[in-house]
Amino acid sequence: MRVSAHPIVVTFGAPTWSTTLNGFDVGKFTDRAVAYLTPRLSAPHTLKVSIDTQQPGAEAQIRKAIEDAVLKVRADPSS
């Protein structure tokens, strides 16, 4: 059962890889999501990721959403 979905904006800035998160604090998943995403993109990029929380498999869903967003940016950098 879907509990909640919160759009967040993750902004990475060169050259220090400073990270800004807006919209929703996803707690421990935020740190994992950022750690997963940071080495996979060239800075600067902004991604909007929908995160479902408080349900079984939430971490896997977050990872999948980030992977999908990365693929979308690589396929169309103007998006």
PDB file of N, CA and C in Angstrom:
ATOM      1  N   MET A   1       0.837  -1.180   0.000  1.00  0.00           N
ATOM      2  CA  MET A   1       0.000   0.000   0.000  1.00  0.00           C
ATOM      3  C   MET A   1       0.881   1.242   0.000  1.00  0.00           C
ATOM      4  N   ARG A   2       0.592   2.151  -0.862  1.00  0.00           N
ATOM      5  CA  ARG A   2       1.367   3.382  -0.964  1.00  0.00           C
ATOM      6  C   ARG A   2       0.987   4.318   0.182  1.00  0.00           C
ATOM      7  N   VAL A   3       1.988   4.752   0.918  1.00  0.00           N
ATOM      8  CA  VAL A   3       1.735   5.633   2.055  1.00  0.00           C
ATOM      9  C   VAL A   3       1.873   7.092   1.658  1.00  0.00           C
ATOM     10  N   SER A   4       2.993   7.436   1.030  1.00  0.00           N
ATOM     11  CA  SER A   4       3.193   8.824   0.632  1.00  0.00           C
ATOM     12  C   SER A   4       4.240   8.916  -0.455  1.00  0.00           C
ATOM     13  N   ALA A   5       4.122   9.933  -1.274  1.00  0.00           N
ATOM     14  CA  ALA A   5       5.122  10.203  -2.305  1.00  0.00           C
ATOM     15  C   ALA A   5       5.485  11.670  -2.208  1.00  0.00           C
ATOM     16  N   HIS A   6       6.776  11.956  -2.112  1.00  0.00           N
ATOM     17  CA  HIS A   6       7.242  13.323  -1.939  1.00  0.00           C
ATOM     18  C   HIS A   6       8.276  13.649  -3.006  1.00  0.00           C
ATOM     19  N   PRO A   7       7.985  14.621  -3.893  1.00  0.00           N
ATOM     20  CA  PRO A   7       9.014  15.019  -4.851  1.00  0.00           C
ATOM     21  C   PRO A   7      10.127  15.775  -4.140  1.00  0.00           C
ATOM     22  N   ILE A   8      11.355  15.437  -4.413  1.00  0.00           N
ATOM     23  CA  ILE A   8      12.488  16.169  -3.861  1.00  0.00           C
ATOM     24  C   ILE A   8      13.379  16.610  -5.005  1.00  0.00           C
ATOM     25  N   VAL A   9      14.128  17.655  -4.771  1.00  0.00           N
ATOM     26  CA  VAL A   9      15.095  18.116  -5.753  1.00  0.00           C
ATOM     27  C   VAL A   9      16.471  17.919  -5.166  1.00  0.00           C
ATOM     28  N   VAL A  10      17.315  17.196  -5.889  1.00  0.00           N
ATOM     29  CA  VAL A  10      18.692  16.965  -5.466  1.00  0.00           C
ATOM     30  C   VAL A  10      19.586  17.755  -6.405  1.00  0.00           C
ATOM     31  N   THR A  11      20.333  18.709  -5.870  1.00  0.00           N
ATOM     32  CA  THR A  11      21.212  19.540  -6.682  1.00  0.00           C
ATOM     33  C   THR A  11      22.658  19.266  -6.313  1.00  0.00           C
ATOM     34  N   PHE A  12      23.471  18.963  -7.310  1.00  0.00           N
ATOM     35  CA  PHE A  12      24.893  18.738  -7.102  1.00  0.00           C
ATOM     36  C   PHE A  12      25.657  19.878  -7.747  1.00  0.00           C
ATOM     37  N   GLY A  13      26.595  20.476  -7.008  1.00  0.00           N
ATOM     38  CA  GLY A  13      27.351  21.600  -7.540  1.00  0.00           C
ATOM     39  C   GLY A  13      28.828  21.282  -7.648  1.00  0.00           C
ATOM     40  N   ALA A  14      29.428  21.588  -8.803  1.00  0.00           N
ATOM     41  CA  ALA A  14      30.869  21.432  -8.981  1.00  0.00           C
ATOM     42  C   ALA A  14      31.559  22.651  -8.376  1.00  0.00           C
ATOM     43  N   PRO A  15      32.806  22.586  -7.967  1.00  0.00           N
ATOM     44  CA  PRO A  15      33.676  21.408  -8.029  1.00  0.00           C
ATOM     45  C   PRO A  15      33.721  20.610  -6.728  1.00  0.00           C
ATOM     46  N   THR A  16      32.948  21.023  -5.720  1.00  0.00           N
ATOM     47  CA  THR A  16      33.076  20.391  -4.400  1.00  0.00           C
ATOM     48  C   THR A  16      32.050  19.293  -4.160  1.00  0.00           C
ATOM     49  N   TRP A  17      31.164  19.051  -5.110  1.00  0.00           N
ATOM     50  CA  TRP A  17      30.084  18.083  -4.936  1.00  0.00           C
ATOM     51  C   TRP A  17      29.210  18.430  -3.737  1.00  0.00           C
ATOM     52  N   SER A  18      29.064  19.744  -3.462  1.00  0.00           N
ATOM     53  CA  SER A  18      28.142  20.141  -2.403  1.00  0.00           C
ATOM     54  C   SER A  18      26.735  19.702  -2.804  1.00  0.00           C
ATOM     55  N   THR A  19      25.973  19.279  -1.837  1.00  0.00           N
ATOM     56  CA  THR A  19      24.664  18.699  -2.115  1.00  0.00           C
ATOM     57  C   THR A  19      23.577  19.490  -1.408  1.00  0.00           C
ATOM     58  N   THR A  20      22.520  19.818  -2.135  1.00  0.00           N
ATOM     59  CA  THR A  20      21.369  20.498  -1.561  1.00  0.00           C
ATOM     60  C   THR A  20      20.135  19.644  -1.796  1.00  0.00           C
ATOM     61  N   LEU A  21      19.371  19.414  -0.745  1.00  0.00           N
ATOM     62  CA  LEU A  21      18.126  18.665  -0.851  1.00  0.00           C
ATOM     63  C   LEU A  21      16.980  19.594  -0.480  1.00  0.00           C
ATOM     64  N   ASN A  22      15.931  19.634  -1.291  1.00  0.00           N
ATOM     65  CA  ASN A  22      14.772  20.480  -1.019  1.00  0.00           C
ATOM     66  C   ASN A  22      13.493  19.669  -1.077  1.00  0.00           C
ATOM     67  N   GLY A  23      12.509  20.075  -0.321  1.00  0.00           N
ATOM     68  CA  GLY A  23      11.176  19.516  -0.464  1.00  0.00           C
ATOM     69  C   GLY A  23      10.784  18.508   0.582  1.00  0.00           C
ATOM     70  N   PHE A  24      11.676  17.593   0.945  1.00  0.00           N
ATOM     71  CA  PHE A  24      11.292  16.548   1.890  1.00  0.00           C
ATOM     72  C   PHE A  24      12.530  15.914   2.480  1.00  0.00           C
ATOM     73  N   ASP A  25      12.539  15.745   3.790  1.00  0.00           N
ATOM     74  CA  ASP A  25      13.653  15.098   4.473  1.00  0.00           C
ATOM     75  C   ASP A  25      13.363  13.609   4.548  1.00  0.00           C
ATOM     76  N   VAL A  26      14.138  12.811   3.848  1.00  0.00           N
ATOM     77  CA  VAL A  26      13.894  11.374   3.820  1.00  0.00           C
ATOM     78  C   VAL A  26      14.766  10.622   4.816  1.00  0.00           C
ATOM     79  N   GLY A  27      15.343  11.342   5.773  1.00  0.00           N
ATOM     80  CA  GLY A  27      16.096  10.710   6.850  1.00  0.00           C
ATOM     81  C   GLY A  27      17.271   9.901   6.353  1.00  0.00           C
ATOM     82  N   LYS A  28      17.418   8.690   6.873  1.00  0.00           N
ATOM     83  CA  LYS A  28      18.585   7.877   6.545  1.00  0.00           C
ATOM     84  C   LYS A  28      18.634   7.520   5.063  1.00  0.00           C
ATOM     85  N   PHE A  29      17.481   7.469   4.398  1.00  0.00           N
ATOM     86  CA  PHE A  29      17.484   7.154   2.977  1.00  0.00           C
ATOM     87  C   PHE A  29      18.116   8.276   2.160  1.00  0.00           C
ATOM     88  N   THR A  30      18.020   9.503   2.637  1.00  0.00           N
ATOM     89  CA  THR A  30      18.636  10.617   1.919  1.00  0.00           C
ATOM     90  C   THR A  30      20.135  10.397   1.784  1.00  0.00           C
ATOM     91  N   ASP A  31      20.792  10.075   2.891  1.00  0.00           N
ATOM     92  CA  ASP A  31      22.234   9.859   2.849  1.00  0.00           C
ATOM     93  C   ASP A  31      22.594   8.725   1.900  1.00  0.00           C
ATOM     94  N   ARG A  32      21.837   7.650   1.933  1.00  0.00           N
ATOM     95  CA  ARG A  32      22.119   6.519   1.042  1.00  0.00           C
ATOM     96  C   ARG A  32      21.873   6.900  -0.409  1.00  0.00           C
ATOM     97  N   ALA A  33      20.796   7.620  -0.649  1.00  0.00           N
ATOM     98  CA  ALA A  33      20.484   8.027  -2.019  1.00  0.00           C
ATOM     99  C   ALA A  33      21.567   8.942  -2.576  1.00  0.00           C
ATOM    100  N   VAL A  34      22.001   9.903  -1.765  1.00  0.00           N
ATOM    101  CA  VAL A  34      23.041  10.826  -2.212  1.00  0.00           C
ATOM    102  C   VAL A  34      24.349  10.091  -2.444  1.00  0.00           C
ATOM    103  N   ALA A  35      24.705   9.189  -1.538  1.00  0.00           N
ATOM    104  CA  ALA A  35      25.943   8.420  -1.688  1.00  0.00           C
ATOM    105  C   ALA A  35      25.897   7.571  -2.953  1.00  0.00           C
ATOM    106  N   TYR A  36      24.727   7.076  -3.298  1.00  0.00           N
ATOM    107  CA  TYR A  36      24.579   6.256  -4.498  1.00  0.00           C
ATOM    108  C   TYR A  36      24.679   7.113  -5.762  1.00  0.00           C
ATOM    109  N   LEU A  37      24.082   8.287  -5.717  1.00  0.00           N
ATOM    110  CA  LEU A  37      23.977   9.104  -6.922  1.00  0.00           C
ATOM    111  C   LEU A  37      25.234   9.905  -7.235  1.00  0.00           C
ATOM    112  N   THR A  38      25.895  10.439  -6.211  1.00  0.00           N
ATOM    113  CA  THR A  38      26.995  11.381  -6.409  1.00  0.00           C
ATOM    114  C   THR A  38      28.049  10.910  -7.407  1.00  0.00           C
ATOM    115  N   PRO A  39      28.599   9.691  -7.282  1.00  0.00           N
ATOM    116  CA  PRO A  39      29.652   9.310  -8.226  1.00  0.00           C
ATOM    117  C   PRO A  39      29.151   8.975  -9.628  1.00  0.00           C
ATOM    118  N   ARG A  40      27.848   8.974  -9.839  1.00  0.00           N
ATOM    119  CA  ARG A  40      27.307   8.541 -11.118  1.00  0.00           C
ATOM    120  C   ARG A  40      26.962   9.690 -12.069  1.00  0.00           C
ATOM    121  N   LEU A  41      27.073  10.931 -11.615  1.00  0.00           N
ATOM    122  CA  LEU A  41      26.725  12.066 -12.469  1.00  0.00           C
ATOM    123  C   LEU A  41      27.850  13.079 -12.522  1.00  0.00           C
ATOM    124  N   SER A  42      27.926  13.790 -13.627  1.00  0.00           N
ATOM    125  CA  SER A  42      28.815  14.944 -13.719  1.00  0.00           C
ATOM    126  C   SER A  42      28.076  16.138 -13.134  1.00  0.00           C
ATOM    127  N   ALA A  43      28.766  16.962 -12.376  1.00  0.00           N
ATOM    128  CA  ALA A  43      28.123  18.150 -11.807  1.00  0.00           C
ATOM    129  C   ALA A  43      28.136  19.261 -12.847  1.00  0.00           C
ATOM    130  N   PRO A  44      27.225  20.208 -12.813  1.00  0.00           N
ATOM    131  CA  PRO A  44      26.069  20.228 -11.935  1.00  0.00           C
ATOM    132  C   PRO A  44      24.849  19.600 -12.621  1.00  0.00           C
ATOM    133  N   HIS A  45      24.023  18.943 -11.861  1.00  0.00           N
ATOM    134  CA  HIS A  45      22.765  18.367 -12.345  1.00  0.00           C
ATOM    135  C   HIS A  45      21.708  18.539 -11.276  1.00  0.00           C
ATOM    136  N   THR A  46      20.484  18.638 -11.691  1.00  0.00           N
ATOM    137  CA  THR A  46      19.364  18.639 -10.761  1.00  0.00           C
ATOM    138  C   THR A  46      18.415  17.536 -11.187  1.00  0.00           C
ATOM    139  N   LEU A  47      18.034  16.707 -10.253  1.00  0.00           N
ATOM    140  CA  LEU A  47      17.108  15.620 -10.534  1.00  0.00           C
ATOM    141  C   LEU A  47      15.906  15.728  -9.612  1.00  0.00           C
ATOM    142  N   LYS A  48      14.721  15.423 -10.123  1.00  0.00           N
ATOM    143  CA  LYS A  48      13.535  15.318  -9.290  1.00  0.00           C
ATOM    144  C   LYS A  48      13.221  13.834  -9.145  1.00  0.00           C
ATOM    145  N   VAL A  49      13.170  13.372  -7.914  1.00  0.00           N
ATOM    146  CA  VAL A  49      12.970  11.950  -7.648  1.00  0.00           C
ATOM    147  C   VAL A  49      11.755  11.788  -6.759  1.00  0.00           C
ATOM    148  N   SER A  50      10.816  10.939  -7.143  1.00  0.00           N
ATOM    149  CA  SER A  50       9.657  10.646  -6.310  1.00  0.00           C
ATOM    150  C   SER A  50      10.007   9.508  -5.372  1.00  0.00           C
ATOM    151  N   ILE A  51       9.789   9.711  -4.080  1.00  0.00           N
ATOM    152  CA  ILE A  51      10.182   8.716  -3.088  1.00  0.00           C
ATOM    153  C   ILE A  51       8.959   8.263  -2.303  1.00  0.00           C
ATOM    154  N   ASP A  52       8.697   6.969  -2.297  1.00  0.00           N
ATOM    155  CA  ASP A  52       7.645   6.392  -1.475  1.00  0.00           C
ATOM    156  C   ASP A  52       8.255   5.994  -0.144  1.00  0.00           C
ATOM    157  N   THR A  53       7.591   6.355   0.942  1.00  0.00           N
ATOM    158  CA  THR A  53       8.155   6.107   2.265  1.00  0.00           C
ATOM    159  C   THR A  53       7.251   5.217   3.104  1.00  0.00           C
ATOM    160  N   GLN A  54       7.821   4.666   4.172  1.00  0.00           N
ATOM    161  CA  GLN A  54       7.110   3.870   5.163  1.00  0.00           C
ATOM    162  C   GLN A  54       6.400   2.665   4.552  1.00  0.00           C
ATOM    163  N   GLN A  55       7.098   1.949   3.737  1.00  0.00           N
ATOM    164  CA  GLN A  55       6.529   0.722   3.196  1.00  0.00           C
ATOM    165  C   GLN A  55       7.652  -0.258   2.931  1.00  0.00           C
ATOM    166  N   PRO A  56       7.328  -1.557   2.875  1.00  0.00           N
ATOM    167  CA  PRO A  56       8.365  -2.559   2.608  1.00  0.00           C
ATOM    168  C   PRO A  56       9.048  -2.288   1.271  1.00  0.00           C
ATOM    169  N   GLY A  57      10.355  -2.458   1.245  1.00  0.00           N
ATOM    170  CA  GLY A  57      11.101  -2.285   0.010  1.00  0.00           C
ATOM    171  C   GLY A  57      11.367  -0.843  -0.368  1.00  0.00           C
ATOM    172  N   ALA A  58      11.187   0.088   0.576  1.00  0.00           N
ATOM    173  CA  ALA A  58      11.348   1.507   0.248  1.00  0.00           C
ATOM    174  C   ALA A  58      12.744   1.812  -0.280  1.00  0.00           C
ATOM    175  N   GLU A  59      13.775   1.214   0.313  1.00  0.00           N
ATOM    176  CA  GLU A  59      15.138   1.515  -0.126  1.00  0.00           C
ATOM    177  C   GLU A  59      15.349   1.093  -1.577  1.00  0.00           C
ATOM    178  N   ALA A  60      14.849  -0.072  -1.947  1.00  0.00           N
ATOM    179  CA  ALA A  60      14.979  -0.538  -3.328  1.00  0.00           C
ATOM    180  C   ALA A  60      14.223   0.382  -4.286  1.00  0.00           C
ATOM    181  N   GLN A  61      13.072   0.877  -3.862  1.00  0.00           N
ATOM    182  CA  GLN A  61      12.302   1.778  -4.714  1.00  0.00           C
ATOM    183  C   GLN A  61      13.023   3.102  -4.905  1.00  0.00           C
ATOM    184  N   ILE A  62      13.650   3.598  -3.831  1.00  0.00           N
ATOM    185  CA  ILE A  62      14.416   4.834  -3.947  1.00  0.00           C
ATOM    186  C   ILE A  62      15.575   4.642  -4.917  1.00  0.00           C
ATOM    187  N   ARG A  63      16.290   3.537  -4.776  1.00  0.00           N
ATOM    188  CA  ARG A  63      17.421   3.264  -5.664  1.00  0.00           C
ATOM    189  C   ARG A  63      16.949   3.187  -7.121  1.00  0.00           C
ATOM    190  N   LYS A  64      15.832   2.512  -7.366  1.00  0.00           N
ATOM    191  CA  LYS A  64      15.303   2.387  -8.725  1.00  0.00           C
ATOM    192  C   LYS A  64      14.914   3.754  -9.283  1.00  0.00           C
ATOM    193  N   ALA A  65      14.276   4.584  -8.463  1.00  0.00           N
ATOM    194  CA  ALA A  65      13.886   5.919  -8.927  1.00  0.00           C
ATOM    195  C   ALA A  65      15.104   6.743  -9.313  1.00  0.00           C
ATOM    196  N   ILE A  66      16.167   6.628  -8.519  1.00  0.00           N
ATOM    197  CA  ILE A  66      17.391   7.369  -8.827  1.00  0.00           C
ATOM    198  C   ILE A  66      18.040   6.829 -10.095  1.00  0.00           C
ATOM    199  N   GLU A  67      18.099   5.512 -10.228  1.00  0.00           N
ATOM    200  CA  GLU A  67      18.672   4.921 -11.442  1.00  0.00           C
ATOM    201  C   GLU A  67      17.904   5.384 -12.675  1.00  0.00           C
ATOM    202  N   ASP A  68      16.569   5.393 -12.588  1.00  0.00           N
ATOM    203  CA  ASP A  68      15.750   5.832 -13.716  1.00  0.00           C
ATOM    204  C   ASP A  68      16.014   7.296 -14.053  1.00  0.00           C
ATOM    205  N   ALA A  69      16.163   8.128 -12.999  1.00  0.00           N
ATOM    206  CA  ALA A  69      16.438   9.547 -13.234  1.00  0.00           C
ATOM    207  C   ALA A  69      17.794   9.747 -13.890  1.00  0.00           C
ATOM    208  N   VAL A  70      18.795   8.978 -13.450  1.00  0.00           N
ATOM    209  CA  VAL A  70      20.129   9.066 -14.051  1.00  0.00           C
ATOM    210  C   VAL A  70      20.069   8.679 -15.525  1.00  0.00           C
ATOM    211  N   LEU A  71      19.380   7.592 -15.836  1.00  0.00           N
ATOM    212  CA  LEU A  71      19.255   7.159 -17.226  1.00  0.00           C
ATOM    213  C   LEU A  71      18.548   8.215 -18.073  1.00  0.00           C
ATOM    214  N   LYS A  72      17.520   8.856 -17.499  1.00  0.00           N
ATOM    215  CA  LYS A  72      16.793   9.888 -18.235  1.00  0.00           C
ATOM    216  C   LYS A  72      17.705  11.075 -18.540  1.00  0.00           C
ATOM    217  N   VAL A  73      18.495  11.493 -17.560  1.00  0.00           N
ATOM    218  CA  VAL A  73      19.404  12.621 -17.772  1.00  0.00           C
ATOM    219  C   VAL A  73      20.455  12.275 -18.811  1.00  0.00           C
ATOM    220  N   ARG A  74      20.971  11.064 -18.754  1.00  0.00           N
ATOM    221  CA  ARG A  74      21.984  10.653 -19.737  1.00  0.00           C
ATOM    222  C   ARG A  74      21.392  10.585 -21.139  1.00  0.00           C
ATOM    223  N   ALA A  75      20.131  10.167 -21.243  1.00  0.00           N
ATOM    224  CA  ALA A  75      19.491  10.052 -22.548  1.00  0.00           C
ATOM    225  C   ALA A  75      19.117  11.424 -23.111  1.00  0.00           C
ATOM    226  N   ASP A  76      18.736  12.351 -22.223  1.00  0.00           N
ATOM    227  CA  ASP A  76      18.315  13.683 -22.653  1.00  0.00           C
ATOM    228  C   ASP A  76      18.793  14.709 -21.631  1.00  0.00           C
ATOM    229  N   PRO A  77      20.024  15.198 -21.762  1.00  0.00           N
ATOM    230  CA  PRO A  77      20.588  16.125 -20.781  1.00  0.00           C
ATOM    231  C   PRO A  77      19.793  17.414 -20.605  1.00  0.00           C
ATOM    232  N   SER A  78      18.942  17.758 -21.555  1.00  0.00           N
ATOM    233  CA  SER A  78      18.159  18.988 -21.436  1.00  0.00           C
ATOM    234  C   SER A  78      16.932  18.813 -20.554  1.00  0.00           C
ATOM    235  N   SER A  79      16.631  17.577 -20.124  1.00  0.00           N
ATOM    236  CA  SER A  79      15.421  17.359 -19.323  1.00  0.00           C
ATOM    237  C   SER A  79      15.620  17.747 -17.886  1.00  0.00           C
TER     238      SER A  79
END
